[in-house]
Amino acid sequence: MKPAALILILIPLLLLLTTIPPYTESKKQGTKFMDKTTVAIYNDINEDDSSITVHCYSVNGDLGTHQLTYGTNFTWTFREDFWGMTKYYCDFVTEYGSGNYGVFTPKLRIRCDTFCPWSITDTGPCLEQTAYGHELWCQGWKIPHPPPPALT
């Protein structure tokens, strides 16, 4: 192979290797970008017959719509894309509120590494930050629903 052709091959390869984002390796637990990540959505609304509707998706595919009764969960596992830009979103509908939330994004990844458990409560979704001592990071409902009228 001629030296000029070799240089034309090596320069793009070196540029690619030097542009890999730093978040492909977590300083917290040594996670590599090829490791599998699991997201789990738990219904923690402890009310009689209280179920939630969950619809999750990414740009690469739709995970479908699921009805979760109290104590059940919807879980999936995936590998991040090469660039570390994988994003998953879920629409949650409950009798207390609803909204669209990012459940896995590059910014959230640092909070949960390879396991991102979400607890859906009557006040909104909460991420258990597995990378930060399991502290809860909660968000309110984007569209609060009024409570049902009291029975008299």
N, C-alpha and C. Protein backbone atom coordinates (compact mmCIF):
# COMPACT_ATOMS: atom_id res chain seq x y z
N MET A 1 0.85 -1.17 0.00
CA MET A 1 0.00 0.00 0.00
C MET A 1 0.89 1.24 0.00
N LYS A 2 0.50 2.22 -0.78
CA LYS A 2 1.28 3.45 -0.88
C LYS A 2 1.13 4.27 0.40
N PRO A 3 2.18 4.99 0.80
CA PRO A 3 2.11 5.81 2.01
C PRO A 3 0.97 6.84 1.98
N ALA A 4 0.69 7.42 0.83
CA ALA A 4 -0.38 8.42 0.75
C ALA A 4 -1.74 7.78 1.04
N ALA A 5 -1.95 6.57 0.55
CA ALA A 5 -3.21 5.87 0.79
C ALA A 5 -3.34 5.49 2.27
N LEU A 6 -2.24 5.09 2.87
CA LEU A 6 -2.24 4.74 4.28
C LEU A 6 -2.58 5.96 5.14
N ILE A 7 -2.05 7.09 4.79
CA ILE A 7 -2.33 8.33 5.53
C ILE A 7 -3.80 8.70 5.38
N LEU A 8 -4.37 8.53 4.19
CA LEU A 8 -5.77 8.83 3.97
C LEU A 8 -6.69 7.93 4.80
N ILE A 9 -6.22 6.74 5.13
CA ILE A 9 -7.01 5.84 5.97
C ILE A 9 -6.80 6.16 7.45
N LEU A 10 -5.57 6.43 7.84
CA LEU A 10 -5.27 6.64 9.25
C LEU A 10 -5.80 7.96 9.81
N ILE A 11 -5.78 9.02 9.04
CA ILE A 11 -6.23 10.32 9.54
C ILE A 11 -7.70 10.29 9.95
N PRO A 12 -8.62 9.81 9.12
CA PRO A 12 -10.02 9.74 9.57
C PRO A 12 -10.21 8.82 10.79
N LEU A 13 -9.46 7.73 10.83
CA LEU A 13 -9.57 6.81 11.96
C LEU A 13 -9.12 7.50 13.26
N LEU A 14 -8.02 8.22 13.21
CA LEU A 14 -7.54 8.94 14.39
C LEU A 14 -8.50 10.05 14.79
N LEU A 15 -9.09 10.75 13.82
CA LEU A 15 -10.07 11.78 14.13
C LEU A 15 -11.29 11.17 14.82
N LEU A 16 -11.74 10.03 14.35
CA LEU A 16 -12.88 9.36 14.96
C LEU A 16 -12.58 8.96 16.39
N LEU A 17 -11.41 8.38 16.61
CA LEU A 17 -11.06 7.93 17.96
C LEU A 17 -10.89 9.09 18.94
N THR A 18 -10.46 10.22 18.46
CA THR A 18 -10.27 11.37 19.36
C THR A 18 -11.55 12.15 19.59
N THR A 19 -12.61 11.86 18.85
CA THR A 19 -13.87 12.58 19.05
C THR A 19 -14.90 11.78 19.82
N ILE A 20 -14.54 10.59 20.32
CA ILE A 20 -15.47 9.83 21.12
C ILE A 20 -15.73 10.62 22.40
N PRO A 21 -16.98 10.89 22.72
CA PRO A 21 -17.29 11.73 23.88
C PRO A 21 -16.78 11.14 25.18
N PRO A 22 -16.45 11.97 26.14
CA PRO A 22 -15.93 11.47 27.41
C PRO A 22 -16.95 10.72 28.24
N TYR A 23 -18.27 10.90 27.96
CA TYR A 23 -19.27 10.21 28.76
C TYR A 23 -19.47 8.77 28.33
N THR A 24 -18.64 8.25 27.43
CA THR A 24 -18.74 6.83 27.12
C THR A 24 -18.15 6.00 28.24
N GLU A 25 -17.52 6.64 29.22
CA GLU A 25 -17.00 5.94 30.38
C GLU A 25 -17.38 6.73 31.62
N SER A 26 -18.09 6.10 32.51
CA SER A 26 -18.54 6.77 33.72
C SER A 26 -17.43 6.74 34.76
N LYS A 27 -17.17 7.87 35.38
CA LYS A 27 -16.17 7.93 36.43
C LYS A 27 -16.71 7.31 37.71
N LYS A 28 -18.04 7.22 37.83
CA LYS A 28 -18.65 6.69 39.05
C LYS A 28 -18.38 5.19 39.22
N GLN A 29 -18.74 4.40 38.20
CA GLN A 29 -18.66 2.95 38.38
C GLN A 29 -17.96 2.25 37.22
N GLY A 30 -17.24 2.96 36.40
CA GLY A 30 -16.49 2.36 35.32
C GLY A 30 -17.34 1.77 34.21
N THR A 31 -18.52 2.30 33.99
CA THR A 31 -19.44 1.78 33.00
C THR A 31 -18.96 2.12 31.59
N LYS A 32 -18.94 1.15 30.73
CA LYS A 32 -18.57 1.37 29.33
C LYS A 32 -19.83 1.58 28.51
N PHE A 33 -19.69 2.27 27.37
CA PHE A 33 -20.87 2.57 26.57
C PHE A 33 -21.52 1.33 25.98
N MET A 34 -20.81 0.21 25.92
CA MET A 34 -21.40 -1.01 25.37
C MET A 34 -22.12 -1.84 26.43
N ASP A 35 -22.05 -1.44 27.71
CA ASP A 35 -22.78 -2.16 28.74
C ASP A 35 -24.28 -1.97 28.53
N LYS A 36 -25.03 -2.94 29.01
CA LYS A 36 -26.48 -2.83 28.92
C LYS A 36 -27.00 -1.93 30.04
N THR A 37 -28.02 -1.17 29.71
CA THR A 37 -28.70 -0.31 30.68
C THR A 37 -30.13 -0.79 30.80
N THR A 38 -30.66 -0.78 32.02
CA THR A 38 -32.04 -1.20 32.26
C THR A 38 -32.82 -0.02 32.83
N VAL A 39 -34.00 0.21 32.26
CA VAL A 39 -34.94 1.20 32.79
C VAL A 39 -36.15 0.42 33.28
N ALA A 40 -36.60 0.74 34.49
CA ALA A 40 -37.77 0.08 35.06
C ALA A 40 -38.75 1.14 35.53
N ILE A 41 -40.01 0.97 35.16
CA ILE A 41 -41.09 1.87 35.56
C ILE A 41 -42.00 1.11 36.51
N TYR A 42 -42.13 1.58 37.76
CA TYR A 42 -42.94 0.91 38.78
C TYR A 42 -44.17 1.75 39.12
N ASN A 43 -45.32 1.10 39.21
CA ASN A 43 -46.52 1.78 39.68
C ASN A 43 -46.53 1.71 41.20
N ASP A 44 -46.27 2.84 41.86
CA ASP A 44 -46.27 2.91 43.31
C ASP A 44 -47.43 3.76 43.84
N ILE A 45 -48.50 3.84 43.06
CA ILE A 45 -49.70 4.53 43.52
C ILE A 45 -50.58 3.50 44.23
N ASN A 46 -50.61 3.55 45.55
CA ASN A 46 -51.29 2.55 46.35
C ASN A 46 -52.73 2.96 46.62
N GLU A 47 -53.54 2.84 45.63
CA GLU A 47 -54.97 3.14 45.75
C GLU A 47 -55.74 1.96 45.17
N ASP A 48 -56.96 1.77 45.64
CA ASP A 48 -57.79 0.69 45.12
C ASP A 48 -57.98 0.86 43.62
N ASP A 49 -57.73 -0.18 42.89
CA ASP A 49 -57.94 -0.22 41.43
C ASP A 49 -57.22 0.91 40.69
N SER A 50 -56.14 1.43 41.26
CA SER A 50 -55.41 2.51 40.58
C SER A 50 -54.40 1.90 39.61
N SER A 51 -54.60 2.17 38.35
CA SER A 51 -53.63 1.71 37.35
C SER A 51 -53.12 2.94 36.60
N ILE A 52 -51.97 2.78 36.02
CA ILE A 52 -51.40 3.86 35.22
C ILE A 52 -51.18 3.35 33.80
N THR A 53 -51.25 4.27 32.86
CA THR A 53 -50.95 3.95 31.47
C THR A 53 -49.57 4.50 31.17
N VAL A 54 -48.72 3.65 30.62
CA VAL A 54 -47.34 4.01 30.32
C VAL A 54 -47.09 3.74 28.84
N HIS A 55 -46.60 4.73 28.12
CA HIS A 55 -46.21 4.56 26.71
C HIS A 55 -44.78 5.07 26.58
N CYS A 56 -43.84 4.17 26.28
CA CYS A 56 -42.42 4.54 26.19
C CYS A 56 -41.90 4.32 24.78
N TYR A 57 -40.90 5.16 24.42
CA TYR A 57 -40.37 5.11 23.05
C TYR A 57 -39.03 5.83 22.98
N SER A 58 -38.32 5.58 21.89
CA SER A 58 -37.10 6.31 21.54
C SER A 58 -37.18 6.61 20.05
N VAL A 59 -36.16 7.28 19.53
CA VAL A 59 -36.15 7.54 18.09
C VAL A 59 -36.00 6.24 17.31
N ASN A 60 -35.52 5.20 17.96
CA ASN A 60 -35.29 3.93 17.29
C ASN A 60 -36.47 2.97 17.37
N GLY A 61 -37.47 3.28 18.19
CA GLY A 61 -38.58 2.36 18.25
C GLY A 61 -39.56 2.68 19.36
N ASP A 62 -40.75 2.12 19.20
CA ASP A 62 -41.84 2.29 20.14
C ASP A 62 -41.91 1.05 21.01
N LEU A 63 -41.92 1.21 22.33
CA LEU A 63 -41.97 0.08 23.25
C LEU A 63 -43.40 -0.30 23.61
N GLY A 64 -44.36 0.42 23.06
CA GLY A 64 -45.76 0.07 23.26
C GLY A 64 -46.38 0.75 24.47
N THR A 65 -47.69 0.53 24.60
CA THR A 65 -48.46 1.08 25.71
C THR A 65 -48.77 -0.04 26.69
N HIS A 66 -48.60 0.25 27.98
CA HIS A 66 -48.77 -0.76 29.02
C HIS A 66 -49.64 -0.21 30.15
N GLN A 67 -50.53 -1.05 30.66
CA GLN A 67 -51.33 -0.72 31.84
C GLN A 67 -50.65 -1.38 33.04
N LEU A 68 -50.29 -0.59 34.03
CA LEU A 68 -49.64 -1.13 35.22
C LEU A 68 -50.54 -0.95 36.43
N THR A 69 -50.86 -2.05 37.10
CA THR A 69 -51.58 -1.97 38.35
C THR A 69 -50.56 -1.77 39.47
N TYR A 70 -51.05 -1.42 40.66
CA TYR A 70 -50.16 -1.16 41.79
C TYR A 70 -49.19 -2.34 42.01
N GLY A 71 -47.90 -2.00 42.17
CA GLY A 71 -46.89 -3.02 42.45
C GLY A 71 -46.30 -3.70 41.24
N THR A 72 -46.81 -3.41 40.03
CA THR A 72 -46.25 -4.03 38.83
C THR A 72 -45.31 -3.05 38.14
N ASN A 73 -44.56 -3.57 37.18
CA ASN A 73 -43.59 -2.72 36.49
C ASN A 73 -43.47 -3.08 35.03
N PHE A 74 -42.90 -2.15 34.28
CA PHE A 74 -42.53 -2.36 32.88
C PHE A 74 -41.04 -2.06 32.80
N THR A 75 -40.27 -3.02 32.29
CA THR A 75 -38.81 -2.94 32.29
C THR A 75 -38.27 -3.27 30.91
N TRP A 76 -37.23 -2.56 30.48
CA TRP A 76 -36.54 -2.91 29.24
C TRP A 76 -35.05 -2.65 29.41
N THR A 77 -34.28 -3.34 28.58
CA THR A 77 -32.82 -3.25 28.60
C THR A 77 -32.34 -2.90 27.20
N PHE A 78 -31.29 -2.09 27.13
CA PHE A 78 -30.76 -1.64 25.84
C PHE A 78 -29.28 -1.30 25.98
N ARG A 79 -28.65 -1.08 24.85
CA ARG A 79 -27.28 -0.56 24.82
C ARG A 79 -27.35 0.85 24.25
N GLU A 80 -26.57 1.74 24.85
CA GLU A 80 -26.52 3.11 24.32
C GLU A 80 -25.90 3.11 22.93
N ASP A 81 -26.25 4.12 22.16
CA ASP A 81 -25.62 4.24 20.84
C ASP A 81 -24.15 4.64 21.01
N PHE A 82 -23.39 4.51 19.95
CA PHE A 82 -21.94 4.76 19.97
C PHE A 82 -21.61 6.16 20.49
N TRP A 83 -22.45 7.14 20.17
CA TRP A 83 -22.17 8.52 20.53
C TRP A 83 -22.66 8.89 21.92
N GLY A 84 -23.32 7.95 22.62
CA GLY A 84 -23.83 8.24 23.95
C GLY A 84 -25.00 9.20 23.96
N MET A 85 -25.80 9.19 22.90
CA MET A 85 -26.92 10.12 22.77
C MET A 85 -28.28 9.43 22.85
N THR A 86 -28.31 8.20 23.33
CA THR A 86 -29.56 7.45 23.45
C THR A 86 -30.53 8.17 24.39
N LYS A 87 -31.79 8.24 23.98
CA LYS A 87 -32.82 8.88 24.79
C LYS A 87 -34.09 8.04 24.74
N TYR A 88 -34.71 7.88 25.90
CA TYR A 88 -36.01 7.23 25.99
C TYR A 88 -36.96 8.17 26.72
N TYR A 89 -38.19 8.22 26.26
CA TYR A 89 -39.24 9.06 26.85
C TYR A 89 -40.45 8.19 27.15
N CYS A 90 -41.21 8.60 28.16
CA CYS A 90 -42.45 7.90 28.49
C CYS A 90 -43.56 8.92 28.73
N ASP A 91 -44.75 8.57 28.25
CA ASP A 91 -45.97 9.29 28.59
C ASP A 91 -46.61 8.52 29.73
N PHE A 92 -46.93 9.22 30.82
CA PHE A 92 -47.61 8.61 31.96
C PHE A 92 -48.98 9.24 32.10
N VAL A 93 -50.00 8.42 32.32
CA VAL A 93 -51.35 8.91 32.58
C VAL A 93 -51.85 8.20 33.82
N THR A 94 -52.21 9.00 34.84
CA THR A 94 -52.76 8.47 36.08
C THR A 94 -54.00 9.29 36.41
N GLU A 95 -54.72 8.89 37.44
CA GLU A 95 -55.86 9.69 37.87
C GLU A 95 -55.40 10.97 38.57
N TYR A 96 -54.12 11.07 38.95
CA TYR A 96 -53.59 12.24 39.65
C TYR A 96 -52.93 13.25 38.73
N GLY A 97 -52.46 12.79 37.58
CA GLY A 97 -51.80 13.68 36.64
C GLY A 97 -51.22 12.91 35.48
N SER A 98 -50.64 13.65 34.55
CA SER A 98 -50.04 13.02 33.38
C SER A 98 -48.92 13.90 32.85
N GLY A 99 -48.19 13.36 31.87
CA GLY A 99 -47.13 14.13 31.26
C GLY A 99 -46.16 13.24 30.51
N ASN A 100 -45.28 13.90 29.78
CA ASN A 100 -44.23 13.24 29.01
C ASN A 100 -42.91 13.54 29.72
N TYR A 101 -42.12 12.48 29.99
CA TYR A 101 -40.89 12.64 30.75
C TYR A 101 -39.77 11.86 30.09
N GLY A 102 -38.57 12.43 30.12
CA GLY A 102 -37.38 11.71 29.70
C GLY A 102 -37.00 10.75 30.81
N VAL A 103 -36.94 9.46 30.52
CA VAL A 103 -36.59 8.48 31.54
C VAL A 103 -35.16 7.98 31.39
N PHE A 104 -34.56 8.24 30.22
CA PHE A 104 -33.13 7.98 30.03
C PHE A 104 -32.61 8.95 28.98
N THR A 105 -31.71 9.82 29.40
CA THR A 105 -31.04 10.78 28.52
C THR A 105 -29.59 10.86 28.96
N PRO A 106 -28.72 11.46 28.15
CA PRO A 106 -27.33 11.61 28.59
C PRO A 106 -27.22 12.33 29.95
N LYS A 107 -28.09 13.32 30.21
CA LYS A 107 -28.03 14.03 31.49
C LYS A 107 -28.50 13.15 32.64
N LEU A 108 -29.49 12.29 32.40
CA LEU A 108 -29.98 11.40 33.46
C LEU A 108 -29.05 10.23 33.69
N ARG A 109 -28.28 9.86 32.70
CA ARG A 109 -27.39 8.70 32.80
C ARG A 109 -26.45 8.83 33.99
N ILE A 110 -25.97 10.02 34.26
CA ILE A 110 -25.03 10.19 35.37
C ILE A 110 -25.71 9.96 36.72
N ARG A 111 -27.04 10.03 36.76
CA ARG A 111 -27.77 9.81 38.01
C ARG A 111 -27.99 8.32 38.29
N CYS A 112 -27.96 7.49 37.22
CA CYS A 112 -28.35 6.10 37.45
C CYS A 112 -27.45 5.06 36.80
N ASP A 113 -26.41 5.45 36.09
CA ASP A 113 -25.50 4.50 35.44
C ASP A 113 -26.28 3.46 34.63
N THR A 114 -26.18 2.17 35.00
CA THR A 114 -26.79 1.13 34.16
C THR A 114 -28.14 0.62 34.66
N PHE A 115 -28.66 1.20 35.75
CA PHE A 115 -30.00 0.82 36.23
C PHE A 115 -30.74 2.08 36.62
N CYS A 116 -31.85 2.35 35.92
CA CYS A 116 -32.64 3.56 36.12
C CYS A 116 -34.06 3.20 36.53
N PRO A 117 -34.31 3.03 37.84
CA PRO A 117 -35.66 2.69 38.30
C PRO A 117 -36.49 3.94 38.57
N TRP A 118 -37.68 3.99 37.99
CA TRP A 118 -38.62 5.10 38.16
C TRP A 118 -39.81 4.61 38.97
N SER A 119 -40.18 5.37 39.97
CA SER A 119 -41.35 5.10 40.79
C SER A 119 -42.42 6.12 40.43
N ILE A 120 -43.56 5.65 39.95
CA ILE A 120 -44.65 6.56 39.60
C ILE A 120 -45.56 6.67 40.82
N THR A 121 -45.66 7.89 41.35
CA THR A 121 -46.42 8.13 42.57
C THR A 121 -47.58 9.07 42.28
N ASP A 122 -48.41 9.32 43.29
CA ASP A 122 -49.55 10.22 43.08
C ASP A 122 -49.11 11.67 42.86
N THR A 123 -47.86 12.01 43.23
CA THR A 123 -47.37 13.38 43.02
C THR A 123 -46.53 13.53 41.76
N GLY A 124 -46.17 12.40 41.10
CA GLY A 124 -45.39 12.45 39.88
C GLY A 124 -44.33 11.36 39.84
N PRO A 125 -43.53 11.32 38.77
CA PRO A 125 -42.50 10.29 38.64
C PRO A 125 -41.24 10.65 39.45
N CYS A 126 -40.62 9.63 40.04
CA CYS A 126 -39.40 9.81 40.83
C CYS A 126 -38.34 8.82 40.35
N LEU A 127 -37.14 9.32 40.08
CA LEU A 127 -36.01 8.48 39.70
C LEU A 127 -35.21 8.15 40.95
N GLU A 128 -34.96 6.86 41.16
CA GLU A 128 -34.05 6.46 42.23
C GLU A 128 -32.64 6.59 41.67
N GLN A 129 -31.89 7.55 42.19
CA GLN A 129 -30.56 7.84 41.66
C GLN A 129 -29.56 6.80 42.16
N THR A 130 -29.45 5.69 41.44
CA THR A 130 -28.60 4.60 41.88
C THR A 130 -27.13 4.97 41.91
N ALA A 131 -26.73 6.01 41.20
CA ALA A 131 -25.34 6.46 41.22
C ALA A 131 -25.07 7.46 42.35
N TYR A 132 -26.11 7.88 43.06
CA TYR A 132 -25.98 8.87 44.12
C TYR A 132 -26.65 8.41 45.40
N GLY A 133 -26.30 7.25 45.89
CA GLY A 133 -26.81 6.78 47.17
C GLY A 133 -28.30 6.49 47.20
N HIS A 134 -28.90 6.27 46.06
CA HIS A 134 -30.32 5.91 45.93
C HIS A 134 -31.27 7.03 46.37
N GLU A 135 -30.80 8.27 46.33
CA GLU A 135 -31.68 9.41 46.61
C GLU A 135 -32.75 9.51 45.53
N LEU A 136 -33.94 9.92 45.92
CA LEU A 136 -35.02 10.10 44.94
C LEU A 136 -34.92 11.50 44.33
N TRP A 137 -35.12 11.56 43.03
CA TRP A 137 -35.21 12.82 42.29
C TRP A 137 -36.60 12.84 41.67
N CYS A 138 -37.48 13.64 42.24
CA CYS A 138 -38.89 13.61 41.84
C CYS A 138 -39.28 14.84 41.03
N GLN A 139 -40.24 14.64 40.15
CA GLN A 139 -40.82 15.71 39.35
C GLN A 139 -42.33 15.69 39.55
N GLY A 140 -42.91 16.86 39.57
CA GLY A 140 -44.37 16.93 39.68
C GLY A 140 -45.02 16.60 38.34
N TRP A 141 -46.32 16.38 38.41
CA TRP A 141 -47.06 16.12 37.18
C TRP A 141 -47.08 17.38 36.31
N LYS A 142 -46.82 17.20 35.04
CA LYS A 142 -46.87 18.34 34.11
C LYS A 142 -48.30 18.81 33.90
N ILE A 143 -49.24 17.86 33.93
CA ILE A 143 -50.66 18.19 33.82
C ILE A 143 -51.35 17.55 35.02
N PRO A 144 -51.50 18.29 36.12
CA PRO A 144 -52.18 17.71 37.29
C PRO A 144 -53.66 17.49 37.00
N HIS A 145 -54.20 16.40 37.49
CA HIS A 145 -55.62 16.11 37.36
C HIS A 145 -56.27 16.37 38.71
N PRO A 146 -57.44 16.93 38.71
CA PRO A 146 -58.10 17.15 40.00
C PRO A 146 -58.44 15.81 40.64
N PRO A 147 -58.42 15.76 41.98
CA PRO A 147 -58.79 14.50 42.63
C PRO A 147 -60.26 14.19 42.36
N PRO A 148 -60.59 12.92 42.35
CA PRO A 148 -62.01 12.58 42.14
C PRO A 148 -62.85 13.12 43.28
N PRO A 149 -64.11 13.45 43.03
CA PRO A 149 -64.96 13.97 44.09
C PRO A 149 -65.15 12.94 45.20
N ALA A 150 -65.20 13.44 46.43
CA ALA A 150 -65.40 12.55 47.58
C ALA A 150 -66.80 11.98 47.55
N LEU A 151 -66.92 10.72 47.92
CA LEU A 151 -68.22 10.08 47.98
C LEU A 151 -68.91 10.48 49.27
N THR A 152 -70.16 10.82 49.17
CA THR A 152 -70.90 11.21 50.38
C THR A 152 -71.95 10.21 50.74
